[in-house]
C-alpha atoms as a PDB file:
ATOM      1  CA  MET A   1      -0.004   0.004   0.000  1.00  0.00           C
ATOM      2  CA  ARG A   2       1.944   3.510  -1.277  1.00  0.00           C
ATOM      3  CA  GLY A   3       2.391   7.050  -2.203  1.00  0.00           C
ATOM      4  CA  MET A   4       3.923   9.582  -4.493  1.00  0.00           C
ATOM      5  CA  TYR A   5       4.482  13.037  -3.068  1.00  0.00           C
ATOM      6  CA  ARG A   6       6.378  16.007  -4.355  1.00  0.00           C
ATOM      7  CA  ALA A   7       9.990  15.433  -5.233  1.00  0.00           C
ATOM      8  CA  ALA A   8      11.250  18.258  -3.039  1.00  0.00           C
ATOM      9  CA  ALA A   9       9.812  16.719   0.087  1.00  0.00           C
ATOM     10  CA  PHE A  10      11.036  13.312  -0.998  1.00  0.00           C
ATOM     11  CA  GLY A  11      14.571  14.617  -1.324  1.00  0.00           C
ATOM     12  CA  LEU A  12      14.535  16.120   2.120  1.00  0.00           C
ATOM     13  CA  ILE A  13      13.452  12.880   3.705  1.00  0.00           C
ATOM     14  CA  VAL A  14      15.900  10.744   1.783  1.00  0.00           C
ATOM     15  CA  THR A  15      18.680  13.053   3.004  1.00  0.00           C
ATOM     16  CA  LEU A  16      17.410  12.574   6.530  1.00  0.00           C
ATOM     17  CA  SER A  17      17.303   8.800   6.169  1.00  0.00           C
ATOM     18  CA  LEU A  18      20.801   8.551   4.701  1.00  0.00           C
ATOM     19  CA  THR A  19      22.194  10.716   7.501  1.00  0.00           C
ATOM     20  CA  ALA A  20      20.455   8.639  10.138  1.00  0.00           C
ATOM     21  CA  CYS A  21      21.488   5.309   8.647  1.00  0.00           C
ATOM     22  CA  GLY A  22      24.979   6.263   7.613  1.00  0.00           C
ATOM     23  CA  GLY A  23      24.147   5.052   4.120  1.00  0.00           C
ATOM     24  CA  GLY A  24      23.023   1.599   5.216  1.00  0.00           C
ATOM     25  CA  GLY A  25      24.865  -1.624   5.969  1.00  0.00           C
ATOM     26  CA  GLY A  26      26.198  -2.833   9.283  1.00  0.00           C
ATOM     27  CA  ASP A  27      25.276  -5.817  11.378  1.00  0.00           C
ATOM     28  CA  SER A  28      22.811  -3.928  13.555  1.00  0.00           C
ATOM     29  CA  GLU A  29      20.624  -3.158  10.518  1.00  0.00           C
ATOM     30  CA  ASP A  30      20.660  -6.766   9.387  1.00  0.00           C
ATOM     31  CA  ASN A  31      19.603  -8.141  12.748  1.00  0.00           C
ATOM     32  CA  PRO A  32      17.446  -6.080  15.128  1.00  0.00           C
ATOM     33  CA  LEU A  33      18.493  -8.217  18.090  1.00  0.00           C
ATOM     34  CA  THR A  34      22.134  -7.095  18.015  1.00  0.00           C
ATOM     35  CA  GLY A  35      23.540  -3.993  19.592  1.00  0.00           C
ATOM     36  CA  SER A  36      22.719  -2.583  23.003  1.00  0.00           C
ATOM     37  CA  SER A  37      20.845   0.292  24.557  1.00  0.00           C
ATOM     38  CA  GLY A  38      20.676   1.968  27.917  1.00  0.00           C
ATOM     39  CA  GLU A  39      17.512   2.136  29.983  1.00  0.00           C
ATOM     40  CA  GLY A  40      15.390   0.912  27.062  1.00  0.00           C
ATOM     41  CA  GLY A  41      16.776  -2.609  27.159  1.00  0.00           C
ATOM     42  CA  GLY A  42      19.293  -4.676  25.221  1.00  0.00           C
ATOM     43  CA  LYS A  43      17.704  -4.803  21.784  1.00  0.00           C
ATOM     44  CA  ASN A  44      18.410  -2.553  18.861  1.00  0.00           C
ATOM     45  CA  ILE A  45      15.170  -1.614  17.149  1.00  0.00           C
ATOM     46  CA  VAL A  46      15.388  -1.130  13.381  1.00  0.00           C
ATOM     47  CA  VAL A  47      12.659   1.243  12.215  1.00  0.00           C
ATOM     48  CA  GLY A  48      11.962   0.941   8.496  1.00  0.00           C
ATOM     49  CA  SER A  49       9.908   2.878   5.983  1.00  0.00           C
ATOM     50  CA  ALA A  50       8.666   2.491   2.450  1.00  0.00           C
ATOM     51  CA  ASN A  51       9.818   4.701  -0.390  1.00  0.00           C
ATOM     52  CA  PHE A  52       7.400   7.596  -0.045  1.00  0.00           C
ATOM     53  CA  PRO A  53       7.526  10.655   2.217  1.00  0.00           C
ATOM     54  CA  GLU A  54       4.472  10.053   4.417  1.00  0.00           C
ATOM     55  CA  ASN A  55       5.700   6.600   5.390  1.00  0.00           C
ATOM     56  CA  GLN A  56       9.185   7.944   6.050  1.00  0.00           C
ATOM     57  CA  LEU A  57       7.634  10.620   8.276  1.00  0.00           C
ATOM     58  CA  LEU A  58       5.719   7.943  10.199  1.00  0.00           C
ATOM     59  CA  GLY A  59       8.937   5.971  10.558  1.00  0.00           C
ATOM     60  CA  GLU A  60      10.599   9.066  12.047  1.00  0.00           C
ATOM     61  CA  ILE A  61       7.699   9.458  14.489  1.00  0.00           C
ATOM     62  CA  TYR A  62       8.130   5.838  15.593  1.00  0.00           C
ATOM     63  CA  ALA A  63      11.905   6.243  15.899  1.00  0.00           C
ATOM     64  CA  GLN A  64      11.760   9.420  18.027  1.00  0.00           C
ATOM     65  CA  ALA A  65       9.081   7.999  20.303  1.00  0.00           C
ATOM     66  CA  LEU A  66      11.150   4.861  20.943  1.00  0.00           C
ATOM     67  CA  GLU A  67      14.298   6.911  21.529  1.00  0.00           C
ATOM     68  CA  ALA A  68      12.409   9.032  24.050  1.00  0.00           C
ATOM     69  CA  LYS A  69      11.772   5.860  26.046  1.00  0.00           C
ATOM     70  CA  GLY A  70      15.466   4.993  26.068  1.00  0.00           C
ATOM     71  CA  PHE A  71      15.631   2.485  23.196  1.00  0.00           C
ATOM     72  CA  LYS A  72      18.510   2.304  20.746  1.00  0.00           C
ATOM     73  CA  VAL A  73      17.079   2.874  17.260  1.00  0.00           C
ATOM     74  CA  THR A  74      18.512   2.362  13.775  1.00  0.00           C
ATOM     75  CA  ARG A  75      16.662   4.066  10.913  1.00  0.00           C
ATOM     76  CA  LYS A  76      16.375   2.124   7.650  1.00  0.00           C
ATOM     77  CA  PHE A  77      14.199   4.373   5.510  1.00  0.00           C
ATOM     78  CA  ASP A  78      13.290   4.460   1.794  1.00  0.00           C
ATOM     79  CA  ILE A  79      13.465   0.668   1.427  1.00  0.00           C
ATOM     80  CA  GLY A  80      10.969   0.311  -1.398  1.00  0.00           C
ATOM     81  CA  ALA A  81       7.449  -0.999  -1.902  1.00  0.00           C
ATOM     82  CA  ARG A  82       5.701  -3.583   0.257  1.00  0.00           C
ATOM     83  CA  GLU A  83       6.808  -6.306  -2.144  1.00  0.00           C
ATOM     84  CA  VAL A  84      10.379  -5.452  -1.081  1.00  0.00           C
ATOM     85  CA  TYR A  85      10.188  -4.727   2.651  1.00  0.00           C
ATOM     86  CA  TYR A  86       7.557  -7.181   3.922  1.00  0.00           C
ATOM     87  CA  ASP A  87       9.858 -10.237   3.926  1.00  0.00           C
ATOM     88  CA  GLN A  88      12.500  -8.206   5.732  1.00  0.00           C
ATOM     89  CA  VAL A  89      10.090  -7.662   8.618  1.00  0.00           C
ATOM     90  CA  VAL A  90       9.041 -11.317   8.645  1.00  0.00           C
ATOM     91  CA  LYS A  91      12.694 -12.408   8.828  1.00  0.00           C
ATOM     92  CA  GLY A  92      13.705  -9.783  11.388  1.00  0.00           C
ATOM     93  CA  GLY A  93      15.886  -7.543   9.252  1.00  0.00           C
ATOM     94  CA  ILE A  94      13.456  -4.727  10.091  1.00  0.00           C
ATOM     95  CA  SER A  95      11.906  -4.497  13.561  1.00  0.00           C
ATOM     96  CA  VAL A  96       8.950  -2.254  12.774  1.00  0.00           C
ATOM     97  CA  MET A  97       7.261  -0.763   9.710  1.00  0.00           C
ATOM     98  CA  PRO A  98       4.498   1.852   9.642  1.00  0.00           C
ATOM     99  CA  GLU A  99       1.879  -0.128   7.768  1.00  0.00           C
ATOM    100  CA  TYR A 100      -1.559   0.461   6.249  1.00  0.00           C
ATOM    101  CA  ASN A 101      -3.656  -2.489   7.366  1.00  0.00           C
ATOM    102  CA  GLY A 102      -5.906  -2.933   4.340  1.00  0.00           C
ATOM    103  CA  ALA A 103      -3.059  -2.776   1.835  1.00  0.00           C
ATOM    104  CA  LEU A 104      -0.939  -5.130   3.950  1.00  0.00           C
ATOM    105  CA  LEU A 105      -3.710  -7.728   3.915  1.00  0.00           C
ATOM    106  CA  ALA A 106      -4.587  -7.352   0.224  1.00  0.00           C
ATOM    107  CA  VAL A 107      -1.031  -7.136  -1.134  1.00  0.00           C
ATOM    108  CA  ALA A 108       1.180  -9.258   1.116  1.00  0.00           C
ATOM    109  CA  VAL A 109      -0.924 -11.530   3.293  1.00  0.00           C
ATOM    110  CA  ASP A 110      -4.065 -12.631   1.428  1.00  0.00           C
ATOM    111  CA  PRO A 111      -4.759 -11.112  -1.995  1.00  0.00           C
ATOM    112  CA  LYS A 112      -8.047 -13.053  -2.114  1.00  0.00           C
ATOM    113  CA  SER A 113      -9.420 -11.440   1.052  1.00  0.00           C
ATOM    114  CA  THR A 114     -12.673  -9.530   0.681  1.00  0.00           C
ATOM    115  CA  ALA A 115     -12.420  -7.678   4.013  1.00  0.00           C
ATOM    116  CA  THR A 116     -12.911  -3.952   3.644  1.00  0.00           C
ATOM    117  CA  ASN A 117     -13.476  -2.427   7.108  1.00  0.00           C
ATOM    118  CA  THR A 118     -10.937  -1.945   9.883  1.00  0.00           C
ATOM    119  CA  GLU A 119     -12.372  -4.553  12.239  1.00  0.00           C
ATOM    120  CA  ASP A 120     -12.566  -7.343   9.662  1.00  0.00           C
ATOM    121  CA  ILE A 121      -9.170  -6.516   8.172  1.00  0.00           C
ATOM    122  CA  ASN A 122      -7.432  -6.610  11.551  1.00  0.00           C
ATOM    123  CA  ALA A 123      -9.161  -9.836  12.509  1.00  0.00           C
ATOM    124  CA  GLU A 124      -7.904 -11.506   9.342  1.00  0.00           C
ATOM    125  CA  LEU A 125      -4.397 -10.140   9.818  1.00  0.00           C
ATOM    126  CA  LYS A 126      -4.231 -11.583  13.341  1.00  0.00           C
ATOM    127  CA  GLN A 127      -5.185 -14.989  11.932  1.00  0.00           C
ATOM    128  CA  LYS A 128      -3.044 -14.983   8.820  1.00  0.00           C
ATOM    129  CA  LEU A 129       0.179 -13.137   9.591  1.00  0.00           C
ATOM    130  CA  PRO A 130       3.310 -15.283   9.993  1.00  0.00           C
ATOM    131  CA  SER A 131       4.067 -16.193  13.599  1.00  0.00           C
ATOM    132  CA  SER A 132       7.211 -14.041  13.679  1.00  0.00           C
ATOM    133  CA  VAL A 133       5.317 -10.774  13.284  1.00  0.00           C
ATOM    134  CA  GLU A 134       2.466  -8.948  14.979  1.00  0.00           C
ATOM    135  CA  MET A 135       0.202  -6.015  14.266  1.00  0.00           C
ATOM    136  CA  LEU A 136      -0.033  -3.540  17.119  1.00  0.00           C
ATOM    137  CA  ASN A 137      -3.007  -1.218  17.639  1.00  0.00           C
ATOM    138  CA  SER A 138      -4.398   0.594  14.601  1.00  0.00           C
ATOM    139  CA  SER A 139      -4.759   4.354  14.630  1.00  0.00           C
ATOM    140  CA  THR A 140      -7.824   6.151  13.293  1.00  0.00           C
ATOM    141  CA  ALA A 141      -5.446   7.847  10.855  1.00  0.00           C
ATOM    142  CA  GLU A 142      -6.100   6.601   7.356  1.00  0.00           C
ATOM    143  CA  ASP A 143      -4.488   7.242   3.986  1.00  0.00           C
ATOM    144  CA  LYS A 144      -6.302   5.479   1.206  1.00  0.00           C
ATOM    145  CA  ASP A 145      -5.701   4.927  -2.458  1.00  0.00           C
ATOM    146  CA  SER A 146      -7.959   6.936  -4.734  1.00  0.00           C
ATOM    147  CA  VAL A 147      -8.664   7.574  -8.381  1.00  0.00           C
ATOM    148  CA  THR A 148      -8.646  11.348  -8.657  1.00  0.00           C
ATOM    149  CA  VAL A 149      -9.453  13.659 -11.553  1.00  0.00           C
ATOM    150  CA  THR A 150      -9.482  17.408 -12.204  1.00  0.00           C
ATOM    151  CA  PRO A 151     -12.745  19.341 -11.911  1.00  0.00           C
ATOM    152  CA  GLU A 152     -12.692  19.775 -15.689  1.00  0.00           C
ATOM    153  CA  ILE A 153     -12.504  16.022 -16.374  1.00  0.00           C
ATOM    154  CA  ALA A 154     -15.165  15.341 -13.750  1.00  0.00           C
ATOM    155  CA  ALA A 155     -17.479  17.821 -15.461  1.00  0.00           C
ATOM    156  CA  LYS A 156     -16.642  16.655 -18.994  1.00  0.00           C
ATOM    157  CA  TYR A 157     -17.493  13.032 -18.285  1.00  0.00           C
ATOM    158  CA  ASN A 158     -19.955  13.564 -15.413  1.00  0.00           C
ATOM    159  CA  LEU A 159     -17.757  11.609 -13.011  1.00  0.00           C
ATOM    160  CA  LYS A 160     -18.688  11.201  -9.371  1.00  0.00           C
ATOM    161  CA  SER A 161     -17.757   7.606  -8.609  1.00  0.00           C
ATOM    162  CA  LEU A 162     -15.517   4.834  -9.918  1.00  0.00           C
ATOM    163  CA  ALA A 163     -18.560   3.221 -11.451  1.00  0.00           C
ATOM    164  CA  ASP A 164     -18.968   6.248 -13.741  1.00  0.00           C
ATOM    165  CA  LEU A 165     -15.597   5.498 -15.304  1.00  0.00           C
ATOM    166  CA  LYS A 166     -16.786   2.332 -17.038  1.00  0.00           C
ATOM    167  CA  ALA A 167     -18.287   4.150 -20.001  1.00  0.00           C
ATOM    168  CA  VAL A 168     -15.406   6.574 -20.547  1.00  0.00           C
ATOM    169  CA  ALA A 169     -12.164   5.060 -19.200  1.00  0.00           C
ATOM    170  CA  GLY A 170     -11.351   3.711 -22.661  1.00  0.00           C
ATOM    171  CA  LYS A 171     -10.711   7.316 -23.682  1.00  0.00           C
ATOM    172  CA  MET A 172      -8.514   8.100 -20.660  1.00  0.00           C
ATOM    173  CA  THR A 173      -4.955   7.587 -19.436  1.00  0.00           C
ATOM    174  CA  ILE A 174      -4.388   6.970 -15.736  1.00  0.00           C
ATOM    175  CA  GLY A 175      -1.107   7.637 -13.949  1.00  0.00           C
ATOM    176  CA  GLY A 176       0.204   6.030 -10.779  1.00  0.00           C
ATOM    177  CA  SER A 177       2.992   4.100  -9.114  1.00  0.00           C
ATOM    178  CA  SER A 178       4.175   1.058 -11.053  1.00  0.00           C
ATOM    179  CA  GLU A 179       2.659  -1.281  -8.441  1.00  0.00           C
ATOM    180  CA  PHE A 180      -0.816   0.121  -9.155  1.00  0.00           C
ATOM    181  CA  LYS A 181      -0.876  -1.797 -12.446  1.00  0.00           C
ATOM    182  CA  THR A 182      -0.755  -5.261 -10.865  1.00  0.00           C
ATOM    183  CA  ARG A 183      -2.481  -4.831  -7.510  1.00  0.00           C
ATOM    184  CA  THR A 184      -6.031  -5.838  -6.729  1.00  0.00           C
ATOM    185  CA  GLN A 185      -6.440  -2.399  -5.136  1.00  0.00           C
ATOM    186  CA  GLY A 186      -5.383  -0.949  -8.454  1.00  0.00           C
ATOM    187  CA  LEU A 187      -6.038  -1.587 -12.141  1.00  0.00           C
ATOM    188  CA  VAL A 188      -6.775  -5.292 -11.536  1.00  0.00           C
ATOM    189  CA  GLY A 189      -9.551  -4.462  -9.103  1.00  0.00           C
ATOM    190  CA  LEU A 190     -10.903  -1.586 -11.162  1.00  0.00           C
ATOM    191  CA  LYS A 191     -11.480  -4.065 -13.974  1.00  0.00           C
ATOM    192  CA  SER A 192     -12.874  -6.919 -11.888  1.00  0.00           C
ATOM    193  CA  VAL A 193     -15.009  -4.866  -9.486  1.00  0.00           C
ATOM    194  CA  TYR A 194     -16.135  -1.967 -11.669  1.00  0.00           C
ATOM    195  CA  GLY A 195     -15.513  -3.187 -15.210  1.00  0.00           C
ATOM    196  CA  VAL A 196     -13.187  -0.211 -15.762  1.00  0.00           C
ATOM    197  CA  GLU A 197     -10.382  -0.462 -18.314  1.00  0.00           C
ATOM    198  CA  PHE A 198      -8.289   2.578 -19.153  1.00  0.00           C
ATOM    199  CA  LYS A 199      -6.865   3.281 -22.598  1.00  0.00           C
ATOM    200  CA  LYS A 200      -3.373   3.575 -21.139  1.00  0.00           C
ATOM    201  CA  PHE A 201      -1.478   3.361 -17.853  1.00  0.00           C
ATOM    202  CA  GLN A 202       1.348   5.799 -17.194  1.00  0.00           C
ATOM    203  CA  PRO A 203       3.668   4.385 -14.487  1.00  0.00           C
ATOM    204  CA  LEU A 204       5.756   6.708 -12.354  1.00  0.00           C
ATOM    205  CA  ASP A 205       8.281   6.154  -9.584  1.00  0.00           C
ATOM    206  CA  ALA A 206       7.144   6.576  -5.998  1.00  0.00           C
ATOM    207  CA  GLY A 207       8.899   9.934  -5.620  1.00  0.00           C
ATOM    208  CA  ALA A 208       7.354  11.498  -8.691  1.00  0.00           C
ATOM    209  CA  GLN A 209       4.263  13.029  -7.125  1.00  0.00           C
ATOM    210  CA  SER A 210       4.936  16.490  -8.514  1.00  0.00           C
ATOM    211  CA  THR A 211       5.339  15.009 -11.992  1.00  0.00           C
ATOM    212  CA  LEU A 212       2.050  13.110 -11.718  1.00  0.00           C
ATOM    213  CA  LEU A 213       0.203  16.228 -10.589  1.00  0.00           C
ATOM    214  CA  GLU A 214       1.638  18.228 -13.491  1.00  0.00           C
ATOM    215  CA  LEU A 215       0.587  15.502 -15.937  1.00  0.00           C
ATOM    216  CA  LEU A 216      -2.908  15.577 -14.468  1.00  0.00           C
ATOM    217  CA  LYS A 217      -3.186  19.358 -14.671  1.00  0.00           C
ATOM    218  CA  LYS A 218      -1.891  19.379 -18.257  1.00  0.00           C
ATOM    219  CA  ASP A 219      -4.409  16.663 -19.236  1.00  0.00           C
ATOM    220  CA  THR A 220      -1.566  14.324 -20.251  1.00  0.00           C
ATOM    221  CA  VAL A 221      -3.163  11.865 -17.870  1.00  0.00           C
ATOM    222  CA  GLN A 222      -6.874  12.242 -17.129  1.00  0.00           C
ATOM    223  CA  ALA A 223      -6.906  10.308 -13.855  1.00  0.00           C
ATOM    224  CA  ALA A 224      -4.327   9.695 -11.122  1.00  0.00           C
ATOM    225  CA  ASN A 225      -3.817   7.256  -8.296  1.00  0.00           C
ATOM    226  CA  LEU A 226      -3.343   9.717  -5.440  1.00  0.00           C
ATOM    227  CA  TYR A 227      -3.460   9.128  -1.711  1.00  0.00           C
ATOM    228  CA  THR A 228      -6.147  10.852   0.270  1.00  0.00           C
ATOM    229  CA  THR A 229      -3.783  12.792   2.560  1.00  0.00           C
ATOM    230  CA  ASP A 230      -2.098  14.474  -0.418  1.00  0.00           C
ATOM    231  CA  PRO A 231      -2.408  18.238   0.215  1.00  0.00           C
ATOM    232  CA  ALA A 232      -2.797  18.867  -3.533  1.00  0.00           C
ATOM    233  CA  ILE A 233      -6.264  17.335  -3.481  1.00  0.00           C
ATOM    234  CA  VAL A 234      -7.563  20.207  -1.372  1.00  0.00           C
ATOM    235  CA  GLU A 235      -5.318  22.921  -2.795  1.00  0.00           C
ATOM    236  CA  ASP A 236      -6.100  22.189  -6.429  1.00  0.00           C
ATOM    237  CA  LYS A 237      -9.747  21.267  -5.780  1.00  0.00           C
ATOM    238  CA  LEU A 238      -9.271  17.846  -7.329  1.00  0.00           C
ATOM    239  CA  VAL A 239     -12.132  15.345  -7.357  1.00  0.00           C
ATOM    240  CA  VAL A 240     -11.647  12.058  -5.535  1.00  0.00           C
ATOM    241  CA  LEU A 241     -14.058   9.593  -7.129  1.00  0.00           C
ATOM    242  CA  GLU A 242     -16.326   7.802  -4.694  1.00  0.00           C
ATOM    243  CA  ASP A 243     -15.812   4.082  -4.171  1.00  0.00           C
ATOM    244  CA  PRO A 244     -19.273   2.605  -3.438  1.00  0.00           C
ATOM    245  CA  LYS A 245     -18.085  -1.027  -3.722  1.00  0.00           C
ATOM    246  CA  ASN A 246     -15.140  -0.471  -1.372  1.00  0.00           C
ATOM    247  CA  LEU A 247     -12.425  -1.538  -3.773  1.00  0.00           C
ATOM    248  CA  PHE A 248      -9.994   0.509  -1.727  1.00  0.00           C
ATOM    249  CA  SER A 249     -10.289  -0.962   1.752  1.00  0.00           C
ATOM    250  CA  SER A 250      -9.658   0.742   5.096  1.00  0.00           C
ATOM    251  CA  GLN A 251      -6.039   1.849   5.363  1.00  0.00           C
ATOM    252  CA  ASN A 252      -5.423   2.571   9.029  1.00  0.00           C
ATOM    253  CA  VAL A 253      -1.841   3.379   9.991  1.00  0.00           C
ATOM    254  CA  THR A 254      -0.710   0.418  12.090  1.00  0.00           C
ATOM    255  CA  PRO A 255       2.723  -0.691  13.358  1.00  0.00           C
ATOM    256  CA  LEU A 256       3.860  -4.082  11.995  1.00  0.00           C
ATOM    257  CA  ILE A 257       6.519  -5.480  14.319  1.00  0.00           C
ATOM    258  CA  TYR A 258       8.993  -8.356  14.414  1.00  0.00           C
ATOM    259  CA  LYS A 259       8.016  -9.882  17.763  1.00  0.00           C
ATOM    260  CA  GLU A 260      11.464 -10.777  19.084  1.00  0.00           C
ATOM    261  CA  ALA A 261      12.656  -7.171  18.782  1.00  0.00           C
ATOM    262  CA  PHE A 262       9.970  -5.821  21.112  1.00  0.00           C
ATOM    263  CA  ASP A 263       9.028  -5.938  24.768  1.00  0.00           C
ATOM    264  CA  ASP A 264       5.972  -4.542  26.518  1.00  0.00           C
ATOM    265  CA  LYS A 265       7.571  -1.105  27.012  1.00  0.00           C
ATOM    266  CA  SER A 266       8.478  -0.642  23.352  1.00  0.00           C
ATOM    267  CA  LYS A 267       5.092  -1.915  22.218  1.00  0.00           C
ATOM    268  CA  ALA A 268       3.411   0.591  24.537  1.00  0.00           C
ATOM    269  CA  ALA A 269       5.398   3.453  22.977  1.00  0.00           C
ATOM    270  CA  LEU A 270       4.040   2.607  19.531  1.00  0.00           C
ATOM    271  CA  ASN A 271       0.513   1.937  20.724  1.00  0.00           C
ATOM    272  CA  ALA A 272       0.519   5.383  22.349  1.00  0.00           C
ATOM    273  CA  ILE A 273       1.178   6.860  18.882  1.00  0.00           C
ATOM    274  CA  SER A 274      -1.718   4.941  17.389  1.00  0.00           C
ATOM    275  CA  ALA A 275      -4.010   6.170  20.168  1.00  0.00           C
ATOM    276  CA  LYS A 276      -3.281   9.809  19.264  1.00  0.00           C
ATOM    277  CA  LEU A 277      -2.739   9.863  15.487  1.00  0.00           C
ATOM    278  CA  THR A 278      -5.649  11.005  13.306  1.00  0.00           C
ATOM    279  CA  THR A 279      -6.205  11.512   9.579  1.00  0.00           C
ATOM    280  CA  GLU A 280      -6.338  15.265  10.189  1.00  0.00           C
ATOM    281  CA  ASP A 281      -2.921  15.043  11.860  1.00  0.00           C
ATOM    282  CA  LEU A 282      -1.511  13.253   8.828  1.00  0.00           C
ATOM    283  CA  LEU A 283      -2.890  15.867   6.447  1.00  0.00           C
ATOM    284  CA  GLU A 284      -1.564  18.735   8.517  1.00  0.00           C
ATOM    285  CA  MET A 285       1.877  17.156   8.778  1.00  0.00           C
ATOM    286  CA  MET A 286       2.006  16.524   5.039  1.00  0.00           C
ATOM    287  CA  LYS A 287       1.140  20.171   4.408  1.00  0.00           C
ATOM    288  CA  LYS A 288       4.135  21.180   6.540  1.00  0.00           C
ATOM    289  CA  LEU A 289       6.362  18.679   4.794  1.00  0.00           C
ATOM    290  CA  VAL A 290       5.279  19.377   1.218  1.00  0.00           C
ATOM    291  CA  ASN A 291       4.131  23.014   1.204  1.00  0.00           C
ATOM    292  CA  ASP A 292       6.254  24.539   3.935  1.00  0.00           C
ATOM    293  CA  LYS A 293       9.225  22.255   3.185  1.00  0.00           C
ATOM    294  CA  GLU A 294       9.917  21.570   6.840  1.00  0.00           C
ATOM    295  CA  ASP A 295      12.297  18.743   7.699  1.00  0.00           C
ATOM    296  CA  ALA A 296      10.700  15.408   8.546  1.00  0.00           C
ATOM    297  CA  ASP A 297      12.458  15.157  11.890  1.00  0.00           C
ATOM    298  CA  THR A 298      11.103  18.568  12.877  1.00  0.00           C
ATOM    299  CA  VAL A 299       7.565  17.751  11.804  1.00  0.00           C
ATOM    300  CA  ALA A 300       7.723  14.463  13.675  1.00  0.00           C
ATOM    301  CA  LYS A 301       9.133  16.061  16.844  1.00  0.00           C
ATOM    302  CA  ASP A 302       6.500  18.817  16.800  1.00  0.00           C
ATOM    303  CA  TRP A 303       3.648  16.332  16.555  1.00  0.00           C
ATOM    304  CA  LEU A 304       5.078  14.054  19.256  1.00  0.00           C
ATOM    305  CA  THR A 305       5.558  17.035  21.550  1.00  0.00           C
ATOM    306  CA  GLN A 306       2.013  18.266  20.962  1.00  0.00           C
ATOM    307  CA  ALA A 307       0.722  14.734  21.619  1.00  0.00           C
ATOM    308  CA  GLY A 308       2.736  14.513  24.845  1.00  0.00           C
ATOM    309  CA  LEU A 309       4.726  11.482  23.699  1.00  0.00           C
ATOM    310  CA  LEU A 310       8.308  12.674  24.193  1.00  0.00           C
ATOM    311  CA  SER A 311       8.271  12.722  27.971  1.00  0.00           C
END
């Protein structure tokens, strides 16, 4: 499950991750159970992130909260898509990933699942996840896939929902991350659930959000796979098409952990984040990151301080 935001923000976060990780490598990154810490215990916790800015921001929030409780943390950000990082968590190379529960279930755990709401998704994950990993508490914060169009395209084709695309998608090009082409919560599901087939798919790298938005505004692509916490949706008055058949399932931000790397104290630090984090918080933080070009570590620290989670 994710994400293409503006290249400027992406660059800032990648710089942060490289500085924090020292460019990668090292035994402590390969095995979260090596290394030592002070009052937090003897385990080194490797916090990972996918290759898009919001997830890297969430990883920084997790890392700072754990450090505030005395744990030794290694940052391993910008790993790639779920198809790349999931096995690393299962095998213990990464201790925790900020996950999106619906996408985790549909992409990595059970592509045949029909669960769409938070309760059903989490119940299935608890049953079907490998024994080495565990989902902690889900937040109410949610960042979902969407098919989004400009107001002009919405008016031209009278588009309000994904179902409305069936009659006109054959005239349209849709842009999105390369994974969107093969995922059930992507072009595969649009065809099977809504009978929608686009004339063309324009793949872009995960960091090419600004490019995708420009293509959308220039009518080079007529639809885009954007995430619902993207500030551009509000700023540019873009139209997120409704999803009456729930193709795009609930996507609550949820920590996925490698069990052996965590104890009750470290789990509690992450569950405290989930208890506070809201969708509105995510949107506000992304505005600071993308529009105001604040550093990810600053945005993360400000939110944690406001939430009372750095004491």
